[in-house]
Protein backbone atom coordinates (compact mmCIF):
# COMPACT_ATOMS: atom_id res chain seq x y z
CA UNK A 1 71.60 73.43 249.54
CA UNK A 2 73.74 76.35 250.21
CA UNK A 3 70.95 78.64 249.12
CA UNK A 4 68.57 77.07 251.74
CA UNK A 5 71.14 77.31 254.42
CA UNK A 6 71.58 81.09 253.47
CA UNK A 7 67.82 81.71 253.49
CA UNK A 8 67.50 79.92 256.82
CA UNK A 9 70.34 82.05 258.31
CA UNK A 10 68.61 85.19 257.18
CA UNK A 11 65.25 84.04 258.58
CA UNK A 12 66.99 83.35 261.89
CA UNK A 13 68.49 86.86 261.94
CA UNK A 14 65.15 88.54 261.07
CA UNK A 15 63.51 86.44 263.83
CA UNK A 16 66.17 87.65 266.33
CA UNK A 17 65.21 91.18 265.53
CA UNK A 18 61.48 90.75 266.20
CA UNK A 19 61.80 91.58 269.88
CA UNK A 20 62.94 95.05 268.85
CA UNK A 21 59.71 95.73 267.12
CA UNK A 22 58.80 97.78 264.15
CA UNK A 23 59.15 100.93 266.10
CA UNK A 24 62.84 100.43 266.56
CA UNK A 25 63.19 99.76 262.82
CA UNK A 26 61.18 102.76 261.84
CA UNK A 27 63.34 104.89 264.08
CA UNK A 28 66.65 103.68 262.57
CA UNK A 29 65.22 104.26 259.07
CA UNK A 30 64.13 107.76 260.01
CA UNK A 31 67.59 108.71 261.39
CA UNK A 32 69.27 107.35 258.32
CA UNK A 33 66.83 109.58 256.15
CA UNK A 34 67.62 112.60 258.17
CA UNK A 35 71.28 112.29 258.34
CA UNK A 36 71.61 111.59 254.50
CA UNK A 37 71.59 115.13 253.35
CA UNK A 38 72.86 118.11 255.36
CA UNK A 39 72.75 120.81 252.67
CA UNK A 40 68.86 120.96 252.92
CA UNK A 41 68.54 121.35 249.18
CA UNK A 42 70.59 124.53 248.93
CA UNK A 43 71.95 125.25 245.45
CA UNK A 44 75.84 125.02 245.03
CA UNK A 45 77.52 128.30 244.82
CA UNK A 46 78.61 129.02 241.17
CA UNK A 47 82.03 130.71 240.55
CA UNK A 48 81.94 134.43 240.01
CA UNK A 49 81.66 134.85 236.29
CA UNK A 50 83.25 138.22 236.30
CA UNK A 51 85.81 138.32 239.16
CA UNK A 52 87.43 141.55 240.14
CA UNK A 53 90.67 141.94 238.09
CA UNK A 54 93.92 141.95 240.04
CA UNK A 55 95.60 145.32 239.65
CA UNK A 56 99.31 144.81 238.94
CA UNK A 57 101.46 147.38 240.73
CA UNK A 58 104.63 148.59 238.92
CA UNK A 59 106.50 149.27 242.08
CA UNK A 60 105.52 146.16 243.96
CA UNK A 61 105.26 143.54 241.19
CA UNK A 62 107.14 144.57 238.03
CA UNK A 63 110.31 146.57 239.21
CA UNK A 64 111.36 143.58 241.58
CA UNK A 65 111.32 141.34 238.43
CA UNK A 66 113.60 143.80 236.76
CA UNK A 67 115.82 144.14 239.69
CA UNK A 68 116.31 140.42 240.17
CA UNK A 69 116.59 139.45 236.45
CA UNK A 70 117.36 142.40 234.25
CA UNK A 71 119.39 145.22 235.82
CA UNK A 72 122.62 143.30 235.52
CA UNK A 73 122.73 143.95 231.90
CA UNK A 74 120.08 146.75 231.56
CA UNK A 75 121.35 149.11 234.29
CA UNK A 76 123.01 152.45 233.75
CA UNK A 77 124.12 152.61 230.23
CA UNK A 78 122.57 149.24 229.60
CA UNK A 79 122.54 146.99 226.82
CA UNK A 80 120.44 148.29 223.80
CA UNK A 81 120.17 151.74 225.72
CA UNK A 82 117.66 150.21 228.01
CA UNK A 83 117.99 151.19 231.78
CA UNK A 84 115.66 149.00 233.90
CA UNK A 85 116.71 150.46 237.28
CA UNK A 86 114.02 151.75 239.41
CA UNK A 87 115.29 155.42 238.94
CA UNK A 88 114.69 155.12 235.26
CA UNK A 89 111.63 152.95 234.80
CA UNK A 90 108.81 152.91 233.59
CA UNK A 91 109.76 156.13 231.78
CA UNK A 92 112.42 154.29 229.82
CA UNK A 93 109.85 151.72 228.66
CA UNK A 94 106.36 153.16 228.09
CA UNK A 95 105.92 154.49 224.48
CA UNK A 96 109.62 154.58 223.91
CA UNK A 97 110.90 153.33 220.59
CA UNK A 98 112.75 149.98 220.92
CA UNK A 99 116.41 150.19 219.72
CA UNK A 100 116.89 147.94 216.66
CA UNK A 101 113.19 146.93 216.45
CA UNK A 102 110.07 148.23 214.84
CA UNK A 103 107.69 149.50 217.54
CA UNK A 104 107.92 150.49 221.16
CA UNK A 105 109.35 148.82 224.23
CA UNK A 106 105.99 148.86 225.97
CA UNK A 107 102.64 149.71 224.08
CA UNK A 108 100.17 150.34 226.87
CA UNK A 109 97.16 148.00 226.65
CA UNK A 110 98.84 145.72 224.08
CA UNK A 111 101.52 143.30 225.40
CA UNK A 112 101.55 141.35 222.07
CA UNK A 113 103.03 144.24 220.19
CA UNK A 114 105.34 145.33 223.12
CA UNK A 115 108.99 144.48 222.39
CA UNK A 116 109.70 143.98 226.01
CA UNK A 117 107.00 141.41 226.44
CA UNK A 118 107.87 139.70 223.01
CA UNK A 119 111.56 139.43 224.38
CA UNK A 120 110.70 137.71 227.48
CA UNK A 121 108.43 135.42 225.76
CA UNK A 122 111.20 134.48 223.33
CA UNK A 123 109.26 135.66 220.26
CA UNK A 124 111.67 134.80 217.16
CA UNK A 125 110.76 138.25 215.56
CA UNK A 126 112.65 140.01 218.44
CA UNK A 127 115.90 137.99 218.54
CA UNK A 128 117.35 136.27 221.62
CA UNK A 129 115.02 135.56 224.59
CA UNK A 130 115.52 137.64 227.68
CA UNK A 131 117.02 137.38 230.21
CA UNK A 132 119.70 136.65 227.81
CA UNK A 133 121.88 133.66 228.90
CA UNK A 134 119.79 133.04 231.94
CA UNK A 135 116.82 130.98 232.82
CA UNK A 136 113.40 132.13 231.22
CA UNK A 137 111.15 133.97 233.56
CA UNK A 138 108.61 131.82 235.20
CA UNK A 139 105.04 131.73 233.59
CA UNK A 140 103.72 133.55 236.72
CA UNK A 141 106.31 136.44 236.30
CA UNK A 142 105.74 136.60 232.49
CA UNK A 143 102.00 136.84 233.31
CA UNK A 144 102.57 139.76 235.74
CA UNK A 145 104.33 141.65 232.98
CA UNK A 146 101.71 140.87 230.41
CA UNK A 147 98.84 142.07 232.77
CA UNK A 148 100.75 145.20 233.81
CA UNK A 149 101.05 146.11 230.11
CA UNK A 150 97.46 145.06 229.28
CA UNK A 151 96.25 147.23 232.21
CA UNK A 152 97.91 150.24 230.43
CA UNK A 153 101.33 149.97 231.95
CA UNK A 154 100.68 152.48 234.75
CA UNK A 155 103.40 153.99 236.88
CA UNK A 156 101.81 152.79 240.24
């Protein structure tokens, strides 16, 4: 019985719409069809497969990291003979032998053999992670140093 009542209710509602006519129904359907898609078939934009690399500036990006995290120990006459003050860098880093380690402090183009980068990453082959006794540099700061070295460690 519930089914018959439901069918009767629908039939009454349809009958109530008859005075509107088929043209009103067609207009409503046309509006629904037109408003359903606003991109008009345009292809979605794909991400740039080869975005412009971000150039890391030694003066603007790297030296401030050293100033805030390193010069307390690696200033004038610094630990390990490393001076990271603005007046000494990057000359005290690039292609300079690392005291107590095989290799150079910074090897332009290759952060993964640069003692400086290995130290801030905490690589066991280079002893204690830097900054020693302090919090590790954030991933974003380590990435800046990585990218600067990878870009050739320019004095820019």
